[in-house]
N, C-alpha and C. Protein backbone atom coordinates (compact mmCIF):
# COMPACT_ATOMS: atom_id res chain seq x y z
N UNK A 1 37.51 88.41 41.67
CA UNK A 1 39.15 88.32 41.84
C UNK A 1 39.31 87.36 41.22
N UNK A 2 38.70 86.33 41.77
CA UNK A 2 39.93 85.09 40.42
C UNK A 2 41.00 84.78 39.77
N UNK A 3 40.07 85.83 38.35
CA UNK A 3 40.08 86.60 37.44
C UNK A 3 41.27 87.82 37.57
N UNK A 4 40.65 88.61 37.84
CA UNK A 4 41.74 89.74 38.99
C UNK A 4 43.30 89.42 39.57
N UNK A 5 43.16 88.49 40.12
CA UNK A 5 44.52 87.72 40.62
C UNK A 5 45.89 86.88 40.08
N UNK A 6 44.28 86.61 38.70
CA UNK A 6 45.42 85.83 37.80
C UNK A 6 45.55 86.17 36.75
N UNK A 7 44.98 87.82 36.04
CA UNK A 7 45.18 88.43 34.82
C UNK A 7 46.81 88.53 36.13
N UNK A 8 46.63 89.75 37.33
CA UNK A 8 48.16 89.59 38.08
C UNK A 8 49.24 88.99 37.61
N UNK A 9 49.80 88.01 37.55
CA UNK A 9 50.27 86.85 37.74
C UNK A 9 50.80 86.60 36.67
N UNK A 10 49.21 86.79 35.44
CA UNK A 10 50.54 87.09 35.25
C UNK A 10 51.29 87.16 33.74
N UNK A 11 50.58 88.73 34.14
CA UNK A 11 51.96 90.37 33.99
C UNK A 11 53.04 89.73 35.06
N UNK A 12 52.88 89.46 35.76
CA UNK A 12 54.15 89.49 36.67
C UNK A 12 55.13 88.23 35.78
N UNK A 13 54.12 87.19 35.58
CA UNK A 13 55.37 86.22 35.25
C UNK A 13 56.17 86.84 33.63
N UNK A 14 55.28 87.52 32.89
CA UNK A 14 55.87 88.04 31.60
C UNK A 14 56.40 88.76 31.73
N UNK A 15 56.73 89.77 31.92
CA UNK A 15 57.11 90.87 32.47
C UNK A 15 58.84 90.11 33.64
N UNK A 16 59.24 89.42 34.49
CA UNK A 16 59.66 88.79 34.64
C UNK A 16 60.47 87.78 33.74
N UNK A 17 59.97 86.95 33.60
CA UNK A 17 60.43 86.79 32.36
C UNK A 17 60.55 86.58 30.62
N UNK A 18 60.33 87.84 29.88
CA UNK A 18 60.94 89.04 29.27
C UNK A 18 61.83 88.14 29.39
N UNK A 19 63.09 88.51 28.64
CA UNK A 19 63.63 89.18 28.08
C UNK A 19 64.55 90.28 28.11
N UNK A 20 65.72 90.21 28.48
CA UNK A 20 66.51 92.02 28.97
C UNK A 20 67.09 92.01 27.70
N UNK A 21 67.81 91.65 27.01
CA UNK A 21 67.33 92.11 25.79
C UNK A 21 67.63 91.32 24.67
N UNK A 22 66.37 91.71 23.75
CA UNK A 22 66.15 90.26 22.86
C UNK A 22 68.35 89.61 21.50
N UNK A 23 67.81 88.62 22.03
CA UNK A 23 69.03 88.48 21.70
C UNK A 23 69.39 88.09 20.22
N UNK A 24 70.77 88.57 19.25
CA UNK A 24 71.32 88.56 17.64
C UNK A 24 71.20 87.03 17.77
N UNK A 25 71.45 87.00 16.91
CA UNK A 25 71.75 85.37 15.87
C UNK A 25 73.20 85.11 15.66
N UNK A 26 74.10 85.06 16.23
CA UNK A 26 76.09 85.41 16.02
C UNK A 26 76.01 84.81 14.79
N UNK A 27 75.40 84.76 13.97
CA UNK A 27 75.50 84.33 12.52
C UNK A 27 74.98 85.58 11.68
N UNK A 28 75.04 86.34 11.76
CA UNK A 28 73.75 87.79 11.56
C UNK A 28 74.86 88.97 11.90
N UNK A 29 76.23 89.24 12.33
CA UNK A 29 77.40 89.82 12.73
C UNK A 29 77.75 90.97 10.80
N UNK A 30 77.24 91.77 11.29
CA UNK A 30 77.96 92.75 9.50
C UNK A 30 79.62 92.91 10.16
N UNK A 31 79.99 93.53 8.99
CA UNK A 31 81.21 93.47 8.55
C UNK A 31 81.95 94.88 9.55
N UNK A 32 80.70 95.52 10.42
CA UNK A 32 81.67 96.56 11.47
C UNK A 32 81.18 96.50 13.24
N UNK A 33 81.09 95.19 13.03
CA UNK A 33 81.10 94.21 14.12
C UNK A 33 80.91 93.77 14.97
N UNK A 34 81.39 93.12 15.81
CA UNK A 34 83.04 91.51 16.48
C UNK A 34 81.61 90.82 17.35
N UNK A 35 81.45 89.64 17.74
CA UNK A 35 81.54 88.74 18.56
C UNK A 35 82.10 87.96 18.83
N UNK A 36 82.01 88.55 20.60
CA UNK A 36 82.65 88.86 21.92
C UNK A 36 82.01 87.65 23.11
N UNK A 37 83.58 87.29 24.07
CA UNK A 37 83.53 86.29 24.97
C UNK A 37 83.61 87.34 26.07
N UNK A 38 83.63 86.71 27.27
CA UNK A 38 84.27 86.85 28.37
C UNK A 38 85.32 85.90 28.35
N UNK A 39 85.83 86.37 29.37
CA UNK A 39 85.91 84.76 30.10
C UNK A 39 86.48 85.45 31.68
N UNK A 40 87.44 84.55 32.16
CA UNK A 40 87.68 84.90 33.85
C UNK A 40 88.85 84.81 34.09
N UNK A 41 89.64 85.01 34.20
CA UNK A 41 90.97 84.96 34.79
C UNK A 41 91.08 86.95 35.34
N UNK A 42 92.39 87.02 36.32
CA UNK A 42 93.86 87.73 36.23
C UNK A 42 94.72 88.65 35.73
N UNK A 43 93.90 87.80 34.10
CA UNK A 43 95.99 88.45 33.52
C UNK A 43 94.48 88.56 31.38
N UNK A 44 93.94 88.52 31.83
CA UNK A 44 92.70 88.31 31.14
C UNK A 44 92.08 89.95 30.69
N UNK A 45 91.96 89.56 29.24
CA UNK A 45 90.91 91.46 29.11
C UNK A 45 89.83 90.82 29.74
N UNK A 46 88.41 92.58 29.00
CA UNK A 46 87.62 91.81 29.32
C UNK A 46 86.84 90.71 28.65
N UNK A 47 86.94 91.85 27.11
CA UNK A 47 86.21 90.39 25.69
C UNK A 47 86.88 90.37 25.60
N UNK A 48 86.97 88.68 24.72
CA UNK A 48 87.59 87.79 23.88
C UNK A 48 87.11 87.98 22.22
N UNK A 49 87.44 88.54 20.82
CA UNK A 49 86.75 89.01 19.90
C UNK A 49 87.01 87.57 19.39
N UNK A 50 86.03 86.74 19.21
CA UNK A 50 85.28 85.67 18.48
C UNK A 50 85.23 85.72 17.17
N UNK A 51 84.35 86.47 16.37
CA UNK A 51 84.77 86.82 15.25
C UNK A 51 84.69 87.65 14.92
N UNK A 52 85.08 88.28 14.26
CA UNK A 52 85.56 89.69 12.95
C UNK A 52 86.46 90.02 14.25
N UNK A 53 86.68 91.58 13.64
CA UNK A 53 88.58 92.46 13.22
C UNK A 53 88.14 93.75 13.93
N UNK A 54 88.96 93.60 15.06
CA UNK A 54 89.06 94.80 16.06
C UNK A 54 90.27 95.91 15.20
N UNK A 55 89.42 97.25 14.42
CA UNK A 55 90.19 97.93 13.87
C UNK A 55 90.63 99.27 14.35
N UNK A 56 92.07 99.17 15.11
CA UNK A 56 92.88 99.78 16.14
C UNK A 56 93.14 100.30 15.16
N UNK A 57 93.56 102.43 16.05
CA UNK A 57 93.90 102.94 14.83
C UNK A 57 94.89 102.95 14.31
N UNK A 58 95.81 103.93 13.31
CA UNK A 58 97.45 103.74 13.23
C UNK A 58 97.98 105.58 14.24
N UNK A 59 96.93 105.90 15.29
CA UNK A 59 98.28 106.26 16.00
C UNK A 59 98.60 106.60 16.58
N UNK A 60 97.43 104.55 17.00
CA UNK A 60 98.05 103.85 18.98
C UNK A 60 98.44 102.32 18.53
N UNK A 61 98.71 101.92 16.70
CA UNK A 61 99.06 100.69 16.54
C UNK A 61 100.57 99.85 17.10
N UNK A 62 100.91 101.54 16.65
CA UNK A 62 102.60 101.24 17.02
C UNK A 62 102.87 100.28 18.53
N UNK A 63 101.79 100.07 19.50
CA UNK A 63 101.80 100.22 21.03
C UNK A 63 101.25 98.99 21.35
N UNK A 64 101.06 98.34 19.98
CA UNK A 64 100.67 96.81 20.62
C UNK A 64 102.10 95.80 19.53
N UNK A 65 101.77 94.77 20.36
CA UNK A 65 103.02 93.72 19.34
C UNK A 65 103.06 93.23 18.50
N UNK A 66 101.88 92.64 18.73
CA UNK A 66 100.72 91.77 16.99
C UNK A 66 98.90 92.53 17.10
N UNK A 67 98.52 91.86 16.55
CA UNK A 67 96.99 92.34 15.75
C UNK A 67 96.30 91.12 17.12
N UNK A 68 95.38 92.72 17.86
CA UNK A 68 94.67 92.48 19.09
C UNK A 68 93.33 91.50 18.78
N UNK A 69 93.43 90.75 19.43
CA UNK A 69 91.57 89.60 19.66
C UNK A 69 91.43 90.15 20.54
N UNK A 70 91.31 90.69 21.59
CA UNK A 70 90.74 91.24 23.34
C UNK A 70 90.66 92.95 23.30
N UNK A 71 90.64 93.07 24.68
CA UNK A 71 90.42 93.90 23.96
C UNK A 71 89.82 94.33 26.62
N UNK A 72 89.97 95.30 26.84
CA UNK A 72 88.90 96.43 27.77
C UNK A 72 88.26 97.34 27.16
N UNK A 73 86.98 97.58 27.71
CA UNK A 73 85.90 98.18 26.94
C UNK A 73 85.93 99.44 28.24
N UNK A 74 86.16 100.56 27.55
CA UNK A 74 86.33 101.65 27.43
C UNK A 74 84.97 102.20 28.47
N UNK A 75 85.31 103.20 30.22
CA UNK A 75 83.42 102.91 30.71
C UNK A 75 82.46 103.58 30.06
N UNK A 76 82.67 104.82 29.65
CA UNK A 76 82.13 105.97 29.25
C UNK A 76 81.32 105.15 27.79
N UNK A 77 81.15 104.02 27.00
CA UNK A 77 80.74 103.91 26.10
C UNK A 77 79.20 102.66 26.46
N UNK A 78 77.82 102.99 26.11
CA UNK A 78 77.31 101.22 26.69
C UNK A 78 77.03 100.14 26.77
N UNK A 79 77.37 100.09 27.94
CA UNK A 79 77.90 98.50 28.05
C UNK A 79 77.27 97.98 29.40
N UNK A 80 77.61 96.80 28.61
CA UNK A 80 77.55 95.44 29.37
C UNK A 80 77.54 95.50 30.94
N UNK A 81 78.75 96.41 31.57
CA UNK A 81 80.15 95.82 32.57
C UNK A 81 79.38 97.34 33.15
N UNK A 82 78.62 98.05 32.93
CA UNK A 82 78.09 99.26 33.67
C UNK A 82 77.18 99.36 34.55
N UNK A 83 76.47 97.91 34.33
CA UNK A 83 75.48 96.87 34.95
C UNK A 83 75.67 96.73 35.66
N UNK A 84 75.57 96.73 37.23
CA UNK A 84 76.15 95.26 37.66
C UNK A 84 75.76 94.18 38.23
N UNK A 85 75.08 93.33 36.45
CA UNK A 85 74.20 92.45 36.26
C UNK A 85 76.10 91.87 35.82
N UNK A 86 76.73 91.63 36.19
CA UNK A 86 78.35 90.47 36.32
C UNK A 86 77.12 89.01 35.42
N UNK A 87 76.59 88.02 35.26
CA UNK A 87 75.23 87.48 34.91
C UNK A 87 75.07 87.26 33.66
N UNK A 88 75.32 89.09 33.42
CA UNK A 88 75.02 88.51 32.69
C UNK A 88 75.75 88.05 30.65
N UNK A 89 77.69 89.00 31.53
CA UNK A 89 77.87 88.77 30.68
C UNK A 89 79.30 86.84 31.39
N UNK A 90 79.49 86.44 32.45
CA UNK A 90 79.66 85.25 32.75
C UNK A 90 78.95 84.88 31.36
N UNK A 91 80.13 83.33 30.70
CA UNK A 91 79.48 82.78 29.23
C UNK A 91 78.28 82.40 28.39
N UNK A 92 78.26 84.11 28.37
CA UNK A 92 77.53 84.60 27.74
C UNK A 92 78.71 85.37 25.92
N UNK A 93 77.82 84.29 24.78
CA UNK A 93 78.50 86.11 23.81
C UNK A 93 78.25 87.05 23.25
N UNK A 94 78.93 88.42 22.20
CA UNK A 94 78.08 88.84 22.16
C UNK A 94 78.32 89.92 21.03
N UNK A 95 77.60 90.46 20.05
CA UNK A 95 77.28 90.87 20.00
C UNK A 95 77.11 92.85 19.81
N UNK A 96 79.01 92.76 19.40
CA UNK A 96 79.20 94.40 19.99
C UNK A 96 79.19 95.33 18.42
N UNK A 97 79.32 96.46 18.83
CA UNK A 97 79.09 97.14 17.65
C UNK A 97 80.39 98.99 17.96
N UNK A 98 81.58 99.30 17.97
CA UNK A 98 82.06 100.60 18.54
C UNK A 98 83.16 100.91 18.40
N UNK A 99 84.11 100.94 18.87
CA UNK A 99 86.05 101.49 18.23
C UNK A 99 86.30 101.86 20.13
N UNK A 100 87.74 101.38 18.24
CA UNK A 100 88.94 101.66 20.24
C UNK A 100 89.21 102.98 20.54
N UNK A 101 89.16 103.69 21.52
CA UNK A 101 89.28 104.85 21.93
C UNK A 101 90.82 105.14 22.16
N UNK A 102 91.12 104.10 22.42
CA UNK A 102 93.05 104.18 22.84
C UNK A 102 93.53 102.85 23.43
N UNK A 103 94.24 103.39 24.38
CA UNK A 103 95.20 101.92 25.41
C UNK A 103 95.27 101.94 26.04
N UNK A 104 94.61 100.75 27.01
CA UNK A 104 94.13 100.66 28.08
C UNK A 104 95.61 99.72 29.36
N UNK A 105 96.91 100.13 29.57
CA UNK A 105 98.44 100.00 30.12
C UNK A 105 97.13 99.39 31.34
N UNK A 106 98.36 98.31 31.83
CA UNK A 106 98.26 97.78 33.60
C UNK A 106 99.29 97.60 34.10
N UNK A 107 98.92 97.87 35.80
CA UNK A 107 99.93 98.14 36.46
C UNK A 107 100.33 96.96 36.74
N UNK A 108 99.23 95.48 36.04
CA UNK A 108 100.63 94.53 37.58
C UNK A 108 100.63 93.25 36.31
N UNK A 109 102.15 93.29 37.64
CA UNK A 109 104.02 93.09 36.97
C UNK A 109 103.32 91.36 36.26
N UNK A 110 103.05 90.54 36.67
CA UNK A 110 102.84 89.50 36.14
C UNK A 110 102.15 89.39 34.62
N UNK A 111 100.96 90.18 33.87
CA UNK A 111 100.32 90.62 32.45
C UNK A 111 100.25 90.99 31.95
N UNK A 112 100.23 90.94 30.92
CA UNK A 112 100.81 91.85 29.27
C UNK A 112 99.97 93.40 29.77
N UNK A 113 99.91 94.22 29.50
CA UNK A 113 100.62 95.14 29.20
C UNK A 113 99.58 96.36 29.40
N UNK A 114 99.69 96.53 26.98
CA UNK A 114 98.68 97.41 26.57
C UNK A 114 97.69 96.29 26.19
N UNK A 115 96.92 97.54 26.58
CA UNK A 115 95.67 96.30 25.38
C UNK A 115 94.49 97.82 25.39
N UNK A 116 93.56 97.42 23.71
CA UNK A 116 93.33 98.74 23.82
C UNK A 116 91.75 98.69 24.23
N UNK A 117 91.51 100.40 24.46
CA UNK A 117 89.50 100.05 25.49
C UNK A 117 89.03 100.89 24.49
N UNK A 118 88.11 99.85 24.45
CA UNK A 118 87.09 100.27 23.01
C UNK A 118 85.43 100.57 23.74
N UNK A 119 84.89 101.59 23.17
CA UNK A 119 83.88 102.59 23.36
C UNK A 119 82.95 101.72 22.79
N UNK A 120 81.48 101.01 23.42
CA UNK A 120 81.26 100.12 22.69
C UNK A 120 79.70 101.08 23.26
N UNK A 121 78.92 101.35 21.57
CA UNK A 121 78.23 102.27 20.92
C UNK A 121 76.84 100.97 21.46
N UNK A 122 76.60 100.09 20.50
CA UNK A 122 75.61 99.03 20.56
C UNK A 122 75.77 97.91 21.03
N UNK A 123 75.06 97.06 21.71
CA UNK A 123 75.21 95.84 22.15
C UNK A 123 73.87 94.46 22.30
N UNK A 124 74.34 93.61 21.64
CA UNK A 124 73.03 92.07 21.30
C UNK A 124 73.75 91.44 22.42
N UNK A 125 73.28 90.94 23.86
CA UNK A 125 73.82 89.28 23.76
C UNK A 125 73.31 88.65 22.79
N UNK A 126 73.51 87.80 22.70
CA UNK A 126 73.06 85.91 21.27
C UNK A 126 73.02 85.31 21.56
N UNK A 127 72.37 85.50 23.78
CA UNK A 127 71.55 83.62 24.11
C UNK A 127 70.16 84.84 24.56
N UNK A 128 69.45 84.34 25.22
CA UNK A 128 68.13 84.68 25.66
C UNK A 128 68.92 84.72 27.53
N UNK A 129 67.99 86.29 28.67
CA UNK A 129 69.06 86.10 30.24
C UNK A 129 66.38 86.09 29.76
N UNK A 130 66.41 85.78 30.68
CA UNK A 130 65.33 86.13 31.90
C UNK A 130 65.29 87.65 32.37
N UNK A 131 64.39 88.77 32.22
CA UNK A 131 64.47 90.19 32.72
C UNK A 131 64.70 89.90 35.01
N UNK A 132 64.34 89.08 34.96
CA UNK A 132 64.08 89.30 36.08
C UNK A 132 65.27 89.14 36.89
N UNK A 133 66.87 88.96 35.92
CA UNK A 133 67.32 89.09 36.48
C UNK A 133 68.53 90.06 36.98
N UNK A 134 68.22 90.49 35.82
CA UNK A 134 68.69 92.14 36.20
C UNK A 134 68.31 92.76 36.66
N UNK A 135 67.20 92.33 37.93
CA UNK A 135 66.63 93.43 39.77
C UNK A 135 67.08 92.89 39.84
N UNK A 136 67.66 94.80 41.25
CA UNK A 136 68.60 94.58 42.29
C UNK A 136 68.78 93.48 43.27
N UNK A 137 68.85 93.26 44.43
CA UNK A 137 69.14 92.13 44.58
C UNK A 137 67.66 92.26 45.59
N UNK A 138 66.87 93.36 46.89
CA UNK A 138 65.53 93.92 46.78
C UNK A 138 64.31 93.38 46.35
N UNK A 139 64.48 94.11 45.26
CA UNK A 139 63.92 94.05 43.63
C UNK A 139 63.38 92.33 43.61
N UNK A 140 64.49 91.51 43.35
CA UNK A 140 64.54 90.30 42.94
C UNK A 140 63.19 89.66 43.92
N UNK A 141 64.10 89.62 45.20
CA UNK A 141 63.45 89.05 46.61
C UNK A 141 61.87 89.30 46.66
N UNK A 142 61.71 90.84 46.61
CA UNK A 142 60.28 91.37 45.70
C UNK A 142 58.97 90.52 45.02
N UNK A 143 60.21 90.02 44.10
CA UNK A 143 59.31 89.94 42.79
C UNK A 143 58.27 88.47 42.99
N UNK A 144 60.29 87.57 43.68
CA UNK A 144 58.91 86.09 43.77
C UNK A 144 58.41 85.97 44.62
N UNK A 145 58.77 86.78 45.99
CA UNK A 145 57.36 86.73 47.29
C UNK A 145 55.74 87.29 46.51
N UNK A 146 56.60 88.01 45.49
CA UNK A 146 54.90 88.32 44.92
C UNK A 146 54.22 86.79 44.67
N UNK A 147 55.59 87.15 43.15
CA UNK A 147 54.91 86.04 42.49
C UNK A 147 54.77 84.75 43.28
N UNK A 148 54.45 83.91 44.47
CA UNK A 148 54.96 83.07 44.73
C UNK A 148 53.18 84.14 45.70
N UNK A 149 52.81 84.84 46.54
CA UNK A 149 52.20 84.97 47.53
C UNK A 149 50.86 84.99 46.01
N UNK A 150 50.97 85.35 44.33
CA UNK A 150 49.80 85.50 43.77
C UNK A 150 49.98 84.08 42.93
N UNK A 151 50.59 82.94 43.30
CA UNK A 151 50.83 81.85 42.55
C UNK A 151 49.78 80.99 43.94
N UNK A 152 49.70 81.24 44.29
CA UNK A 152 49.35 80.37 46.23
C UNK A 152 47.26 81.36 46.04
N UNK A 153 47.29 82.33 45.57
CA UNK A 153 46.10 82.89 46.23
C UNK A 153 45.93 82.37 44.83
N UNK A 154 45.73 81.59 43.73
CA UNK A 154 44.78 81.47 41.73
C UNK A 154 44.92 80.25 42.73
N UNK A 155 46.15 79.16 42.62
CA UNK A 155 45.41 77.45 44.34
C UNK A 155 44.63 77.93 44.87
N UNK A 156 44.90 78.07 45.43
CA UNK A 156 42.95 78.27 46.86
C UNK A 156 42.29 79.15 46.33
N UNK A 157 42.06 80.50 45.29
CA UNK A 157 41.02 80.50 44.69
C UNK A 157 40.21 79.27 44.11
N UNK A 158 41.15 78.25 43.14
CA UNK A 158 40.94 77.69 41.94
C UNK A 158 40.22 76.45 42.89
N UNK A 159 40.94 75.83 43.86
CA UNK A 159 39.57 74.99 44.32
C UNK A 159 38.59 75.89 45.58
N UNK A 160 38.77 76.50 45.81
CA UNK A 160 37.45 77.07 46.55
C UNK A 160 35.85 77.45 45.74
N UNK A 161 36.92 78.07 44.90
CA UNK A 161 35.72 77.73 43.29
C UNK A 161 34.84 76.28 43.00
N UNK A 162 35.82 75.99 42.94
CA UNK A 162 35.87 74.87 42.35
C UNK A 162 35.28 74.43 40.74
N UNK A 163 35.71 74.74 39.61
CA UNK A 163 35.33 74.87 39.05
C UNK A 163 34.17 73.64 38.54
N UNK A 164 34.74 73.01 38.82
CA UNK A 164 35.22 71.35 38.32
C UNK A 164 33.26 70.22 38.77
N UNK A 165 32.75 71.20 39.51
CA UNK A 165 31.50 70.96 40.69
C UNK A 165 30.78 71.40 40.28
N UNK A 166 30.08 72.57 39.24
CA UNK A 166 29.97 72.84 38.55
C UNK A 166 27.85 73.31 39.87
């Protein structure tokens, strides 16, 4: 019984603390990828380009006053913003690949209005993020309650069996 509960506990730990998505080294970006980060502010874009060049098609280049280093995410692409896990994008950098698909115009009168709309085809984080952060709130609570119960059961069974007093 002790070995079964210990095995279940180790599996739960492994599943929860495994990486949400395997991180990549920021120095490993290729020519068609961008290193981006998110900044918290009302008047900023979804993501800012840290390294790489945002390729804007000629037909929409006239909508922007200068070379852009920020963009909004098109909701149609695979996106870290399509998840409900806002924790994932705050304070992290990502390697993304995709293309500019249009112009995103803001109606907020104090902000710059035209930003490129970028469709993300692939993305990878540059930092480790544990898988349990991606769980919904009920699953997150259930995960830690179950993990706590398994750990407590292992501790109790360990002291009942007393392996040091064979």
